[in-house]
């Protein structure tokens, strides 16, 4: 990837300590309940284990993942990683009408010429909205505006 046409948005800077403590506390409570003898059948324990794994995976992804926006071969590529997350996408540049940080919802929104509105990032740090918007405009040249 041509590094001057790429923007990285770390998920970690959007991570709220209350979310971290809530997930860890909920997983600890589930674990304590599930390990009590005679309390639950194995199907309930398996369900609690799956829920715990999902919550922990979500938390780990929030810590390590980032969204990458890159201009390549006439399209905007949107990737999430390094941990597997929902599929990335590719939008032809000719289809992009606007890419901006909405200051009210704190979302990164892509609007297409077809009228679609795609949310590429949520819960962006309020203090960095202007800087993220400027970086999108300057590095990607997509006419972003807030």
Protein backbone atom coordinates (compact mmCIF):
# COMPACT_ATOMS: atom_id res chain seq x y z
CA UNK A 1 0.00 0.00 0.00
CA UNK A 2 1.17 3.48 -0.83
CA UNK A 3 1.57 4.92 2.68
CA UNK A 4 0.65 8.48 1.70
CA UNK A 5 -2.83 7.33 0.59
CA UNK A 6 -3.66 5.35 3.75
CA UNK A 7 -5.41 6.32 6.99
CA UNK A 8 -5.35 4.06 10.07
CA UNK A 9 -7.98 4.44 12.79
CA UNK A 10 -7.09 2.53 15.92
CA UNK A 11 -10.00 1.02 17.80
CA UNK A 12 -8.05 1.26 21.06
CA UNK A 13 -8.41 5.02 21.30
CA UNK A 14 -12.21 4.57 21.29
CA UNK A 15 -12.07 1.95 24.04
CA UNK A 16 -13.76 3.12 27.24
CA UNK A 17 -12.51 1.80 30.61
CA UNK A 18 -16.09 1.15 31.75
CA UNK A 19 -16.54 -1.23 28.79
CA UNK A 20 -13.36 -3.10 29.72
CA UNK A 21 -14.39 -3.43 33.37
CA UNK A 22 -17.94 -4.44 32.42
CA UNK A 23 -16.78 -7.21 30.09
CA UNK A 24 -14.22 -8.56 32.55
CA UNK A 25 -16.71 -8.39 35.42
CA UNK A 26 -19.47 -10.09 33.45
CA UNK A 27 -17.11 -12.87 32.31
CA UNK A 28 -15.91 -13.37 35.90
CA UNK A 29 -19.50 -13.62 37.18
CA UNK A 30 -20.44 -16.07 34.41
CA UNK A 31 -17.39 -18.16 35.23
CA UNK A 32 -18.17 -18.20 38.93
CA UNK A 33 -21.79 -19.18 38.35
CA UNK A 34 -20.98 -21.82 35.72
CA UNK A 35 -18.45 -23.60 37.94
CA UNK A 36 -20.84 -24.09 40.88
CA UNK A 37 -21.84 -27.72 41.31
CA UNK A 38 -25.42 -28.63 40.54
CA UNK A 39 -26.31 -25.09 39.52
CA UNK A 40 -26.59 -25.55 35.75
CA UNK A 41 -26.76 -28.33 33.20
CA UNK A 42 -23.94 -28.72 30.69
CA UNK A 43 -25.90 -26.98 27.92
CA UNK A 44 -26.20 -23.88 30.09
CA UNK A 45 -22.49 -24.00 30.92
CA UNK A 46 -21.62 -24.31 27.23
CA UNK A 47 -23.83 -21.31 26.43
CA UNK A 48 -22.15 -19.25 29.16
CA UNK A 49 -18.72 -20.31 27.93
CA UNK A 50 -19.57 -19.29 24.36
CA UNK A 51 -20.91 -15.94 25.55
CA UNK A 52 -17.73 -15.38 27.57
CA UNK A 53 -15.49 -16.25 24.62
CA UNK A 54 -17.42 -13.85 22.40
CA UNK A 55 -17.17 -11.02 24.90
CA UNK A 56 -13.45 -11.56 25.49
CA UNK A 57 -12.79 -11.78 21.73
CA UNK A 58 -14.67 -8.51 21.23
CA UNK A 59 -12.59 -6.85 23.94
CA UNK A 60 -9.29 -8.16 22.53
CA UNK A 61 -10.30 -6.97 19.05
CA UNK A 62 -11.05 -3.51 20.47
CA UNK A 63 -7.54 -3.41 21.93
CA UNK A 64 -5.57 -4.66 18.90
CA UNK A 65 -7.63 -3.90 15.78
CA UNK A 66 -7.69 -0.86 13.55
CA UNK A 67 -9.67 0.20 10.51
CA UNK A 68 -7.52 0.97 7.49
CA UNK A 69 -8.78 3.16 4.66
CA UNK A 70 -6.62 3.02 1.53
CA UNK A 71 -6.89 4.32 -2.00
CA UNK A 72 -5.89 1.54 -4.40
CA UNK A 73 -6.63 1.04 -8.08
CA UNK A 74 -9.46 3.57 -8.25
CA UNK A 75 -11.25 2.35 -5.15
CA UNK A 76 -11.40 2.99 -1.42
CA UNK A 77 -10.54 -0.22 0.43
CA UNK A 78 -11.77 -0.58 3.98
CA UNK A 79 -10.06 -3.27 6.05
CA UNK A 80 -10.31 -4.27 9.72
CA UNK A 81 -7.58 -6.18 11.50
CA UNK A 82 -5.21 -7.75 12.46
CA UNK A 83 -7.75 -9.96 14.28
CA UNK A 84 -10.52 -11.27 12.03
CA UNK A 85 -13.58 -9.03 12.05
CA UNK A 86 -16.47 -8.43 9.71
CA UNK A 87 -15.49 -8.39 6.06
CA UNK A 88 -13.83 -5.34 4.65
CA UNK A 89 -15.24 -3.67 1.59
CA UNK A 90 -14.21 -1.85 -1.51
CA UNK A 91 -16.03 1.19 -2.92
CA UNK A 92 -15.15 2.64 -6.34
CA UNK A 93 -13.97 6.26 -5.98
CA UNK A 94 -16.50 7.36 -8.60
CA UNK A 95 -19.30 6.13 -6.30
CA UNK A 96 -18.15 8.12 -3.24
CA UNK A 97 -20.07 11.33 -2.69
CA UNK A 98 -18.78 12.13 0.82
CA UNK A 99 -16.59 10.68 3.55
CA UNK A 100 -16.85 12.56 6.83
CA UNK A 101 -16.78 12.47 10.60
CA UNK A 102 -20.24 13.32 11.89
CA UNK A 103 -19.66 15.47 15.00
CA UNK A 104 -23.05 14.66 16.54
CA UNK A 105 -22.99 10.86 16.31
CA UNK A 106 -19.15 10.63 16.38
CA UNK A 107 -19.25 8.26 13.41
CA UNK A 108 -17.15 7.96 10.28
CA UNK A 109 -19.74 7.93 7.49
CA UNK A 110 -19.33 7.22 3.79
CA UNK A 111 -22.13 8.41 1.50
CA UNK A 112 -22.31 7.00 -2.02
CA UNK A 113 -23.70 8.48 -5.22
CA UNK A 114 -26.47 5.86 -4.98
CA UNK A 115 -27.67 7.34 -1.69
CA UNK A 116 -26.24 4.60 0.54
CA UNK A 117 -24.82 5.58 3.91
CA UNK A 118 -22.15 3.26 5.28
CA UNK A 119 -20.85 3.62 8.84
CA UNK A 120 -17.14 2.82 8.78
CA UNK A 121 -16.38 3.66 12.41
CA UNK A 122 -18.32 4.54 15.52
CA UNK A 123 -17.63 6.20 18.86
CA UNK A 124 -14.72 8.22 17.48
CA UNK A 125 -12.88 10.26 20.12
CA UNK A 126 -14.57 13.67 20.28
CA UNK A 127 -11.25 15.49 20.70
CA UNK A 128 -9.86 13.97 17.48
CA UNK A 129 -12.86 14.36 15.15
CA UNK A 130 -11.44 17.44 13.42
CA UNK A 131 -8.00 15.86 13.03
CA UNK A 132 -9.45 12.62 11.64
CA UNK A 133 -11.61 14.56 9.21
CA UNK A 134 -8.61 16.63 8.03
CA UNK A 135 -6.50 13.49 7.63
CA UNK A 136 -9.20 11.91 5.48
CA UNK A 137 -9.36 15.02 3.32
CA UNK A 138 -5.60 15.52 3.04
CA UNK A 139 -4.37 11.93 2.72
CA UNK A 140 -7.22 10.39 0.78
CA UNK A 141 -8.35 13.48 -1.12
CA UNK A 142 -11.99 12.51 -0.89
CA UNK A 143 -13.44 15.90 -0.07
CA UNK A 144 -14.38 14.99 3.49
CA UNK A 145 -16.19 17.61 5.49
CA UNK A 146 -17.76 17.57 8.94
